[in-house]
Structures are given as structure tokens and as C-alpha cells.
């Protein structure tokens, strides 16, 4: 990926919460909890009262859906406020919340006559170190290579007297157990 000049924010979002990452000489992670009620699955058709419409539902199910939708809206507002007005915004996530956040940010940017690049990419759940590595890649910071061992060997591999390739020895001795 190419490096990004100016402000850059990386957002991981799902129904459990959001993590916002920025680079200020080092990675800064801000967590925003979701507090969204779980989505209740249907119990299929259970007809007990002839006055209830086919398939159940009614006021109780509609109220729960409205309640959950309002929590999602408030959560997306908090995430958008925490992101701020960075020049580039990359939104990652597993579900539809990433797309909803991107639509909301675009709509508010149009109202403020502001343009910014918004990248939305669905992906599997990522850990904080994986998100930091992605952030470093996007802002053009080379990853640190602090490891030692055979996998860091540069040059030709050593050979035995018979000419057989022998794996390199450790660069640093392991501490005793």
C-alpha cells in the first residue's frame, strides 16, 4: 500500500465496539464501546392469539427493533465524533456497521462541503498488533525487525565438510530454563 500524507485514521468496527487508530509518531488506539443490545433471533411462527398478525411480531418486536436501531445510531455518532476530520479514513469490520459509518461520514462531509477519502474494507477480526501493523503500512512507517534467529540469516548458508547445507546457528543464545 502507498503511504498517506496528512491525517489518517484507521477504524475497526463491529457490534461489540470500535477501535480508532492514529499515528502521532507512535500508534494511538482509542476504544469506543458499542453498548448495542443483542439482536434477538425469531422464534419462528407461534400463534396463540388470533388478533396478532401472522408471524407474531406486533408492538413488542417493533419496539425492540427501534430500540436497537437507536443504540446503533448513537454508537455511530460517537465513533464519528472520535474520528474527527482526518484526510483519509479507512473503515474495517465484519458486519454492516462499517458501511453505515462510511455513509454517515460521507453525508456529514457533503453537508459541511468537505471532501475526504473513505476506504471501506470488510475483513476478518483483527487484533491490536495486526491493526497497528496495518496502520504503519498505510502511513509509510517500516515495521521493526527486532527478531533474531535463523530466519534472519543473510547470505549463503553454512555447509558441513561434506558439502551438505547446515542450518545457521542461533545468533543469540537462549536463556537457560
N, C-alpha and C. Protein backbone atom coordinates (compact mmCIF):
# COMPACT_ATOMS: atom_id res chain seq x y z
N UNK A 1 0.84 -1.19 0.00
CA UNK A 1 0.00 0.00 0.00
C UNK A 1 0.88 1.25 0.00
N UNK A 2 0.34 2.28 -0.53
CA UNK A 2 1.10 3.53 -0.58
C UNK A 2 0.98 4.28 0.73
N UNK A 3 1.95 5.14 0.99
CA UNK A 3 1.91 5.91 2.24
C UNK A 3 0.97 7.08 2.08
N UNK A 4 0.43 7.53 3.18
CA UNK A 4 -0.57 8.59 3.20
C UNK A 4 0.03 9.82 3.85
N UNK A 5 -0.04 10.95 3.15
CA UNK A 5 0.43 12.21 3.73
C UNK A 5 -0.75 12.89 4.40
N UNK A 6 -0.51 13.56 5.50
CA UNK A 6 -1.60 14.25 6.21
C UNK A 6 -2.22 13.35 7.25
N UNK A 7 -3.45 13.66 7.62
CA UNK A 7 -4.12 12.90 8.66
C UNK A 7 -4.66 11.58 8.15
N UNK A 8 -4.56 10.57 8.98
CA UNK A 8 -5.05 9.24 8.61
C UNK A 8 -5.63 8.59 9.86
N UNK A 9 -6.81 8.01 9.71
CA UNK A 9 -7.42 7.27 10.82
C UNK A 9 -7.85 5.90 10.31
N UNK A 10 -7.60 4.89 11.11
CA UNK A 10 -8.00 3.52 10.81
C UNK A 10 -9.04 3.13 11.86
N UNK A 11 -10.19 2.65 11.41
CA UNK A 11 -11.28 2.29 12.33
C UNK A 11 -11.62 0.83 12.15
N UNK A 12 -11.57 0.06 13.24
CA UNK A 12 -12.10 -1.30 13.25
C UNK A 12 -13.44 -1.21 13.98
N UNK A 13 -14.53 -1.68 13.36
CA UNK A 13 -15.84 -1.54 13.96
C UNK A 13 -16.64 -2.83 13.80
N UNK A 14 -17.32 -3.21 14.87
CA UNK A 14 -18.30 -4.28 14.84
C UNK A 14 -19.32 -4.01 15.94
N UNK A 15 -20.23 -4.93 16.16
CA UNK A 15 -21.32 -4.69 17.11
C UNK A 15 -20.85 -4.64 18.56
N UNK A 16 -19.62 -5.05 18.84
CA UNK A 16 -19.10 -5.02 20.20
C UNK A 16 -18.41 -3.70 20.53
N UNK A 17 -17.97 -2.98 19.51
CA UNK A 17 -17.30 -1.70 19.75
C UNK A 17 -16.45 -1.31 18.56
N UNK A 18 -15.75 -0.20 18.74
CA UNK A 18 -14.87 0.30 17.68
C UNK A 18 -13.51 0.64 18.29
N UNK A 19 -12.47 0.45 17.49
CA UNK A 19 -11.12 0.88 17.87
C UNK A 19 -10.64 1.82 16.78
N UNK A 20 -10.22 3.01 17.18
CA UNK A 20 -9.76 4.03 16.25
C UNK A 20 -8.26 4.17 16.44
N UNK A 21 -7.50 4.03 15.36
CA UNK A 21 -6.04 4.10 15.42
C UNK A 21 -5.55 5.30 14.63
N UNK A 22 -4.61 6.02 15.22
CA UNK A 22 -3.96 7.16 14.56
C UNK A 22 -2.46 7.04 14.79
N UNK A 23 -1.68 7.71 13.93
CA UNK A 23 -0.23 7.71 14.06
C UNK A 23 0.23 9.10 14.46
N UNK A 24 0.86 9.23 15.64
CA UNK A 24 1.42 10.51 16.10
C UNK A 24 2.87 10.28 16.51
N UNK A 25 3.62 9.63 15.63
CA UNK A 25 4.97 9.23 15.98
C UNK A 25 4.98 7.86 16.62
N UNK A 26 3.86 7.45 17.10
CA UNK A 26 3.62 6.11 17.63
C UNK A 26 2.12 5.85 17.49
N UNK A 27 1.68 4.60 17.49
CA UNK A 27 0.26 4.34 17.32
C UNK A 27 -0.54 4.72 18.57
N UNK A 28 -1.67 5.37 18.35
CA UNK A 28 -2.58 5.74 19.44
C UNK A 28 -3.91 5.05 19.16
N UNK A 29 -4.38 4.25 20.11
CA UNK A 29 -5.62 3.50 19.95
C UNK A 29 -6.66 4.06 20.90
N UNK A 30 -7.83 4.40 20.33
CA UNK A 30 -8.97 4.87 21.12
C UNK A 30 -10.09 3.85 20.98
N UNK A 31 -10.61 3.39 22.10
CA UNK A 31 -11.70 2.41 22.08
C UNK A 31 -13.03 3.11 22.35
N UNK A 32 -14.04 2.73 21.59
CA UNK A 32 -15.40 3.25 21.77
C UNK A 32 -16.31 2.04 21.97
N UNK A 33 -16.84 1.83 23.18
CA UNK A 33 -17.72 0.67 23.40
C UNK A 33 -19.06 0.86 22.69
N UNK A 34 -19.66 -0.24 22.26
CA UNK A 34 -20.88 -0.16 21.47
C UNK A 34 -22.14 -0.03 22.32
N UNK A 35 -22.29 -0.86 23.33
CA UNK A 35 -23.49 -0.86 24.17
C UNK A 35 -24.76 -1.06 23.35
N UNK A 36 -24.68 -1.90 22.32
CA UNK A 36 -25.84 -2.20 21.47
C UNK A 36 -26.47 -3.48 21.99
N UNK A 37 -27.79 -3.48 22.21
CA UNK A 37 -28.43 -4.72 22.66
C UNK A 37 -28.29 -5.80 21.58
N UNK A 38 -28.22 -7.05 22.02
CA UNK A 38 -28.06 -8.13 21.06
C UNK A 38 -29.29 -8.23 20.17
N UNK A 39 -29.07 -8.74 18.98
CA UNK A 39 -30.15 -8.92 18.03
C UNK A 39 -30.84 -10.24 18.33
N UNK A 40 -32.09 -10.18 18.71
CA UNK A 40 -32.83 -11.39 19.07
C UNK A 40 -33.27 -12.10 17.80
N UNK A 41 -33.04 -13.39 17.77
CA UNK A 41 -33.49 -14.18 16.62
C UNK A 41 -34.98 -14.50 16.76
N UNK A 42 -35.60 -14.72 15.65
CA UNK A 42 -37.02 -15.06 15.64
C UNK A 42 -37.21 -16.44 16.25
N UNK A 43 -38.34 -16.63 16.91
CA UNK A 43 -38.67 -17.94 17.47
C UNK A 43 -39.59 -18.69 16.51
N UNK A 44 -39.63 -18.26 15.28
CA UNK A 44 -40.49 -18.81 14.24
C UNK A 44 -41.95 -18.49 14.55
N UNK A 45 -42.83 -19.10 13.85
CA UNK A 45 -44.24 -18.76 14.00
C UNK A 45 -44.85 -19.48 15.20
N UNK A 46 -45.35 -18.70 16.12
CA UNK A 46 -46.09 -19.25 17.25
C UNK A 46 -47.37 -18.44 17.34
N UNK A 47 -48.49 -19.08 17.02
CA UNK A 47 -49.75 -18.33 17.04
C UNK A 47 -50.54 -18.75 18.27
N UNK A 48 -50.75 -17.78 19.11
CA UNK A 48 -51.52 -18.04 20.32
C UNK A 48 -52.77 -17.16 20.34
N UNK A 49 -52.64 -15.98 19.80
CA UNK A 49 -53.74 -15.03 19.83
C UNK A 49 -54.17 -14.72 18.40
N UNK A 50 -55.42 -14.92 18.05
CA UNK A 50 -55.84 -14.67 16.67
C UNK A 50 -55.75 -13.19 16.28
N UNK A 51 -55.66 -12.30 17.27
CA UNK A 51 -55.58 -10.87 16.94
C UNK A 51 -54.18 -10.44 16.54
N UNK A 52 -53.16 -11.29 16.80
CA UNK A 52 -51.78 -10.97 16.44
C UNK A 52 -51.59 -11.34 14.97
N UNK A 53 -50.96 -10.46 14.24
CA UNK A 53 -50.77 -10.70 12.81
C UNK A 53 -49.95 -11.97 12.58
N UNK A 54 -50.03 -12.49 11.38
CA UNK A 54 -49.34 -13.72 11.04
C UNK A 54 -47.83 -13.55 11.22
N UNK A 55 -47.20 -14.52 11.84
CA UNK A 55 -45.77 -14.46 12.06
C UNK A 55 -45.39 -13.84 13.38
N UNK A 56 -46.36 -13.51 14.21
CA UNK A 56 -46.04 -12.92 15.50
C UNK A 56 -45.70 -11.45 15.34
N UNK A 57 -44.73 -10.98 16.08
CA UNK A 57 -44.32 -9.58 15.96
C UNK A 57 -45.21 -8.70 16.80
N UNK A 58 -45.74 -7.68 16.17
CA UNK A 58 -46.58 -6.75 16.90
C UNK A 58 -45.75 -5.66 17.55
N UNK A 59 -46.31 -5.00 18.52
CA UNK A 59 -45.68 -3.84 19.13
C UNK A 59 -44.38 -4.18 19.84
N UNK A 60 -44.33 -5.29 20.55
CA UNK A 60 -43.12 -5.63 21.31
C UNK A 60 -41.91 -5.83 20.42
N UNK A 61 -42.05 -6.57 19.32
CA UNK A 61 -40.92 -6.81 18.43
C UNK A 61 -40.50 -5.52 17.73
N UNK A 62 -41.47 -4.71 17.31
CA UNK A 62 -41.15 -3.45 16.65
C UNK A 62 -40.42 -2.51 17.60
N UNK A 63 -40.84 -2.49 18.85
CA UNK A 63 -40.20 -1.63 19.86
C UNK A 63 -38.75 -2.04 20.08
N UNK A 64 -38.50 -3.34 20.15
CA UNK A 64 -37.13 -3.83 20.34
C UNK A 64 -36.25 -3.44 19.16
N UNK A 65 -36.79 -3.54 17.94
CA UNK A 65 -36.01 -3.18 16.76
C UNK A 65 -35.70 -1.68 16.75
N UNK A 66 -36.69 -0.85 17.11
CA UNK A 66 -36.45 0.60 17.16
C UNK A 66 -35.43 0.94 18.24
N UNK A 67 -35.50 0.26 19.36
CA UNK A 67 -34.57 0.49 20.47
C UNK A 67 -33.15 0.15 20.03
N UNK A 68 -32.97 -0.97 19.35
CA UNK A 68 -31.65 -1.38 18.88
C UNK A 68 -31.13 -0.41 17.81
N UNK A 69 -31.99 0.00 16.91
CA UNK A 69 -31.59 0.95 15.85
C UNK A 69 -31.14 2.27 16.45
N UNK A 70 -31.80 2.73 17.49
CA UNK A 70 -31.40 3.98 18.14
C UNK A 70 -30.04 3.84 18.81
N UNK A 71 -29.78 2.69 19.44
CA UNK A 71 -28.46 2.45 20.04
C UNK A 71 -27.37 2.44 18.96
N UNK A 72 -27.65 1.83 17.82
CA UNK A 72 -26.67 1.80 16.72
C UNK A 72 -26.39 3.22 16.24
N UNK A 73 -27.44 4.03 16.08
CA UNK A 73 -27.26 5.41 15.62
C UNK A 73 -26.39 6.20 16.60
N UNK A 74 -26.65 6.07 17.90
CA UNK A 74 -25.86 6.77 18.90
C UNK A 74 -24.40 6.30 18.90
N UNK A 75 -24.20 5.00 18.72
CA UNK A 75 -22.85 4.44 18.65
C UNK A 75 -22.09 5.01 17.46
N UNK A 76 -22.72 5.04 16.29
CA UNK A 76 -22.06 5.58 15.10
C UNK A 76 -21.76 7.06 15.26
N UNK A 77 -22.64 7.81 15.94
CA UNK A 77 -22.37 9.23 16.21
C UNK A 77 -21.13 9.39 17.08
N UNK A 78 -20.99 8.54 18.12
CA UNK A 78 -19.82 8.61 19.00
C UNK A 78 -18.54 8.26 18.24
N UNK A 79 -18.61 7.26 17.37
CA UNK A 79 -17.43 6.87 16.60
C UNK A 79 -17.04 8.00 15.64
N UNK A 80 -18.02 8.59 14.96
CA UNK A 80 -17.72 9.68 14.03
C UNK A 80 -17.11 10.87 14.75
N UNK A 81 -17.61 11.19 15.94
CA UNK A 81 -17.04 12.30 16.71
C UNK A 81 -15.60 11.98 17.14
N UNK A 82 -15.32 10.73 17.47
CA UNK A 82 -13.97 10.35 17.89
C UNK A 82 -13.00 10.34 16.71
N UNK A 83 -13.48 10.06 15.52
CA UNK A 83 -12.62 10.04 14.33
C UNK A 83 -12.16 11.44 13.98
N UNK A 84 -13.05 12.40 14.07
CA UNK A 84 -12.67 13.78 13.73
C UNK A 84 -12.67 14.01 12.24
N UNK A 85 -11.79 14.89 11.79
CA UNK A 85 -11.79 15.28 10.38
C UNK A 85 -10.46 14.94 9.71
N UNK A 86 -10.01 13.71 9.85
CA UNK A 86 -8.78 13.28 9.18
C UNK A 86 -9.00 13.27 7.67
N UNK A 87 -7.90 13.43 6.93
CA UNK A 87 -8.00 13.49 5.48
C UNK A 87 -8.36 12.15 4.86
N UNK A 88 -7.87 11.07 5.44
CA UNK A 88 -8.16 9.74 4.93
C UNK A 88 -8.71 8.90 6.07
N UNK A 89 -9.78 8.17 5.78
CA UNK A 89 -10.42 7.31 6.78
C UNK A 89 -10.54 5.92 6.19
N UNK A 90 -9.98 4.93 6.87
CA UNK A 90 -10.13 3.54 6.44
C UNK A 90 -10.97 2.83 7.49
N UNK A 91 -12.07 2.22 7.04
CA UNK A 91 -13.01 1.55 7.93
C UNK A 91 -12.96 0.06 7.65
N UNK A 92 -12.67 -0.72 8.69
CA UNK A 92 -12.61 -2.18 8.58
C UNK A 92 -13.65 -2.77 9.51
N UNK A 93 -14.17 -3.93 9.15
CA UNK A 93 -15.12 -4.59 10.03
C UNK A 93 -15.69 -5.84 9.41
N UNK A 94 -16.46 -6.58 10.21
CA UNK A 94 -17.03 -7.83 9.75
C UNK A 94 -18.48 -7.70 9.31
N UNK A 95 -19.20 -6.73 9.80
CA UNK A 95 -20.61 -6.63 9.50
C UNK A 95 -20.97 -5.35 8.76
N UNK A 96 -22.25 -5.00 8.77
CA UNK A 96 -22.72 -3.83 8.03
C UNK A 96 -22.42 -2.49 8.71
N UNK A 97 -21.92 -2.49 9.94
CA UNK A 97 -21.70 -1.23 10.64
C UNK A 97 -20.63 -0.37 9.96
N UNK A 98 -19.64 -0.99 9.34
CA UNK A 98 -18.61 -0.23 8.64
C UNK A 98 -19.19 0.57 7.49
N UNK A 99 -20.05 -0.07 6.70
CA UNK A 99 -20.71 0.64 5.59
C UNK A 99 -21.60 1.75 6.11
N UNK A 100 -22.32 1.49 7.19
CA UNK A 100 -23.20 2.52 7.75
C UNK A 100 -22.40 3.72 8.25
N UNK A 101 -21.26 3.45 8.90
CA UNK A 101 -20.41 4.54 9.36
C UNK A 101 -19.88 5.34 8.17
N UNK A 102 -19.44 4.67 7.12
CA UNK A 102 -18.92 5.37 5.94
C UNK A 102 -20.01 6.23 5.29
N UNK A 103 -21.23 5.71 5.17
CA UNK A 103 -22.34 6.51 4.60
C UNK A 103 -22.62 7.73 5.45
N UNK A 104 -22.63 7.56 6.77
CA UNK A 104 -22.91 8.67 7.66
C UNK A 104 -21.83 9.74 7.55
N UNK A 105 -20.55 9.34 7.52
CA UNK A 105 -19.45 10.30 7.41
C UNK A 105 -19.51 11.03 6.08
N UNK A 106 -19.79 10.30 4.99
CA UNK A 106 -19.91 10.95 3.68
C UNK A 106 -21.04 11.97 3.67
N UNK A 107 -22.18 11.60 4.26
CA UNK A 107 -23.33 12.51 4.29
C UNK A 107 -23.00 13.79 5.07
N UNK A 108 -22.34 13.64 6.21
CA UNK A 108 -21.98 14.82 7.00
C UNK A 108 -20.89 15.65 6.32
N UNK A 109 -19.98 15.00 5.61
CA UNK A 109 -18.94 15.73 4.87
C UNK A 109 -19.56 16.55 3.73
N UNK A 110 -20.53 15.97 3.04
CA UNK A 110 -21.22 16.73 1.98
C UNK A 110 -21.93 17.94 2.55
N UNK A 111 -22.55 17.80 3.71
CA UNK A 111 -23.26 18.93 4.32
C UNK A 111 -22.29 20.03 4.74
N UNK A 112 -21.06 19.65 5.08
CA UNK A 112 -20.05 20.64 5.50
C UNK A 112 -19.14 21.07 4.35
N UNK A 113 -19.44 20.61 3.12
CA UNK A 113 -18.65 20.94 1.93
C UNK A 113 -17.19 20.55 2.12
N UNK A 114 -17.00 19.36 2.66
CA UNK A 114 -15.65 18.87 2.92
C UNK A 114 -15.52 17.52 2.23
N UNK A 115 -14.39 17.30 1.62
CA UNK A 115 -14.16 16.02 0.97
C UNK A 115 -13.02 15.29 1.62
N UNK A 116 -13.17 14.02 1.79
CA UNK A 116 -12.09 13.20 2.31
C UNK A 116 -12.20 11.82 1.68
N UNK A 117 -11.10 11.14 1.64
CA UNK A 117 -11.09 9.80 1.08
C UNK A 117 -11.52 8.83 2.16
N UNK A 118 -12.53 7.99 1.83
CA UNK A 118 -13.02 6.99 2.78
C UNK A 118 -12.90 5.63 2.10
N UNK A 119 -12.17 4.75 2.76
CA UNK A 119 -11.94 3.39 2.25
C UNK A 119 -12.67 2.44 3.19
N UNK A 120 -13.53 1.59 2.62
CA UNK A 120 -14.25 0.60 3.41
C UNK A 120 -13.82 -0.78 2.94
N UNK A 121 -13.37 -1.61 3.87
CA UNK A 121 -12.91 -2.96 3.52
C UNK A 121 -13.42 -3.96 4.54
N UNK A 122 -14.25 -4.89 4.12
CA UNK A 122 -14.66 -5.94 5.05
C UNK A 122 -13.49 -6.89 5.27
N UNK A 123 -13.30 -7.32 6.50
CA UNK A 123 -12.22 -8.27 6.79
C UNK A 123 -12.53 -9.02 8.08
N UNK A 124 -11.78 -10.08 8.28
CA UNK A 124 -11.93 -10.90 9.48
C UNK A 124 -11.48 -10.08 10.69
N UNK A 125 -11.90 -10.48 11.88
CA UNK A 125 -11.46 -9.75 13.07
C UNK A 125 -9.94 -9.68 13.18
N UNK A 126 -9.44 -8.50 13.56
CA UNK A 126 -8.00 -8.27 13.68
C UNK A 126 -7.66 -7.90 15.12
N UNK A 127 -6.49 -8.33 15.56
CA UNK A 127 -6.01 -7.98 16.90
C UNK A 127 -5.39 -6.59 16.85
N UNK A 128 -5.12 -6.03 18.02
CA UNK A 128 -4.49 -4.71 18.06
C UNK A 128 -3.13 -4.68 17.37
N UNK A 129 -2.24 -5.67 17.58
CA UNK A 129 -0.97 -5.65 16.85
C UNK A 129 -1.14 -5.71 15.33
N UNK A 130 -2.14 -6.47 14.86
CA UNK A 130 -2.40 -6.53 13.42
C UNK A 130 -2.90 -5.19 12.90
N UNK A 131 -3.75 -4.52 13.68
CA UNK A 131 -4.23 -3.20 13.28
C UNK A 131 -3.09 -2.18 13.27
N UNK A 132 -2.20 -2.25 14.25
CA UNK A 132 -1.06 -1.34 14.30
C UNK A 132 -0.15 -1.57 13.09
N UNK A 133 0.07 -2.83 12.72
CA UNK A 133 0.89 -3.13 11.54
C UNK A 133 0.25 -2.56 10.28
N UNK A 134 -1.07 -2.66 10.17
CA UNK A 134 -1.77 -2.10 9.00
C UNK A 134 -1.67 -0.58 9.00
N UNK A 135 -1.80 0.03 10.17
CA UNK A 135 -1.67 1.49 10.28
C UNK A 135 -0.27 1.93 9.86
N UNK A 136 0.76 1.23 10.35
CA UNK A 136 2.13 1.58 9.99
C UNK A 136 2.34 1.46 8.48
N UNK A 137 1.76 0.44 7.89
CA UNK A 137 1.88 0.26 6.45
C UNK A 137 1.22 1.42 5.70
N UNK A 138 0.06 1.86 6.16
CA UNK A 138 -0.68 2.93 5.49
C UNK A 138 0.02 4.28 5.61
N UNK A 139 0.68 4.53 6.73
CA UNK A 139 1.34 5.83 6.89
C UNK A 139 2.79 5.79 6.42
N UNK A 140 3.27 4.63 5.98
CA UNK A 140 4.60 4.53 5.40
C UNK A 140 5.72 4.31 6.39
N UNK A 141 5.43 3.80 7.56
CA UNK A 141 6.45 3.51 8.56
C UNK A 141 6.87 2.06 8.38
N UNK A 142 8.19 1.84 8.26
CA UNK A 142 8.68 0.48 8.09
C UNK A 142 8.52 -0.29 9.39
N UNK A 143 8.09 -1.54 9.31
CA UNK A 143 7.94 -2.33 10.53
C UNK A 143 9.29 -2.64 11.14
N UNK A 144 9.33 -2.71 12.46
CA UNK A 144 10.59 -3.02 13.15
C UNK A 144 10.86 -4.51 13.00
N UNK A 145 12.09 -4.83 12.76
CA UNK A 145 12.51 -6.22 12.62
C UNK A 145 13.45 -6.54 13.77
N UNK A 146 12.90 -6.77 14.93
CA UNK A 146 13.72 -6.97 16.12
C UNK A 146 14.05 -8.40 16.41
N UNK A 147 13.59 -9.31 15.56
CA UNK A 147 13.81 -10.71 15.85
C UNK A 147 15.22 -11.16 15.58
N UNK A 148 15.61 -12.23 16.22
CA UNK A 148 16.91 -12.84 15.99
C UNK A 148 16.66 -14.30 15.68
N UNK A 149 17.60 -14.91 14.99
CA UNK A 149 17.48 -16.33 14.73
C UNK A 149 17.75 -16.66 13.29
N UNK A 150 17.55 -17.90 12.94
CA UNK A 150 17.90 -18.41 11.63
C UNK A 150 17.06 -17.75 10.53
N UNK A 151 15.85 -17.39 10.80
CA UNK A 151 15.01 -16.82 9.76
C UNK A 151 15.53 -15.45 9.32
N UNK A 152 16.43 -14.83 10.10
CA UNK A 152 17.00 -13.53 9.75
C UNK A 152 18.36 -13.68 9.07
N UNK A 153 18.76 -14.90 8.71
CA UNK A 153 20.08 -15.15 8.16
C UNK A 153 20.21 -14.48 6.80
N UNK A 154 21.27 -13.73 6.60
CA UNK A 154 21.55 -13.10 5.31
C UNK A 154 22.78 -13.75 4.70
N UNK A 155 22.76 -14.02 3.44
CA UNK A 155 23.91 -14.62 2.78
C UNK A 155 23.71 -16.10 2.57
N UNK A 156 24.77 -16.76 2.14
CA UNK A 156 24.68 -18.20 1.88
C UNK A 156 24.73 -18.96 3.20
N UNK A 157 24.08 -20.10 3.20
CA UNK A 157 24.03 -20.93 4.41
C UNK A 157 25.35 -21.67 4.59
N UNK A 158 25.75 -21.90 5.83
CA UNK A 158 26.99 -22.64 6.08
C UNK A 158 26.86 -24.10 5.65
N UNK A 159 27.99 -24.71 5.32
CA UNK A 159 28.00 -26.09 4.86
C UNK A 159 28.91 -26.93 5.76
N UNK A 160 28.61 -28.21 5.80
CA UNK A 160 29.47 -29.13 6.54
C UNK A 160 30.69 -29.47 5.67
N UNK A 161 31.63 -30.28 6.19
CA UNK A 161 32.82 -30.64 5.42
C UNK A 161 32.46 -31.45 4.18
N UNK A 162 31.37 -32.18 4.29
CA UNK A 162 30.97 -32.99 3.14
C UNK A 162 30.25 -32.16 2.08
N UNK A 163 29.94 -30.93 2.37
CA UNK A 163 29.27 -30.06 1.41
C UNK A 163 27.77 -29.95 1.62
N UNK A 164 27.24 -30.68 2.61
CA UNK A 164 25.81 -30.64 2.89
C UNK A 164 25.48 -29.31 3.56
N UNK A 165 24.30 -28.72 3.22
CA UNK A 165 23.88 -27.44 3.81
C UNK A 165 23.48 -27.67 5.26
N UNK A 166 24.05 -26.88 6.13
CA UNK A 166 23.73 -26.95 7.55
C UNK A 166 22.99 -25.67 7.91
N UNK A 167 21.92 -25.78 8.66
CA UNK A 167 21.17 -24.59 9.07
C UNK A 167 22.02 -23.69 9.93
N UNK A 168 21.80 -22.42 9.90
CA UNK A 168 22.61 -21.50 10.70
C UNK A 168 22.36 -21.68 12.19
N UNK A 169 23.37 -21.39 12.97
CA UNK A 169 23.22 -21.43 14.42
C UNK A 169 22.51 -20.18 14.87
N UNK A 170 22.02 -20.22 16.07
CA UNK A 170 21.35 -19.05 16.63
C UNK A 170 22.31 -17.89 16.75
N UNK A 171 21.80 -16.70 16.51
CA UNK A 171 22.62 -15.51 16.62
C UNK A 171 22.81 -15.16 18.10
N UNK A 172 21.79 -15.41 18.88
CA UNK A 172 21.83 -15.09 20.31
C UNK A 172 21.48 -16.39 21.07
N UNK A 173 22.22 -16.66 22.13
CA UNK A 173 21.95 -17.85 22.90
C UNK A 173 20.65 -17.69 23.67
N UNK A 174 19.90 -18.78 23.76
CA UNK A 174 18.66 -18.77 24.54
C UNK A 174 19.01 -18.79 26.03
N UNK A 175 18.21 -18.10 26.83
CA UNK A 175 18.46 -18.16 28.28
C UNK A 175 18.12 -19.57 28.80
N UNK A 176 18.84 -20.04 29.84
CA UNK A 176 18.54 -21.38 30.37
C UNK A 176 17.16 -21.37 31.04
N UNK A 177 16.53 -22.53 30.96
CA UNK A 177 15.17 -22.66 31.53
C UNK A 177 15.16 -22.72 33.01
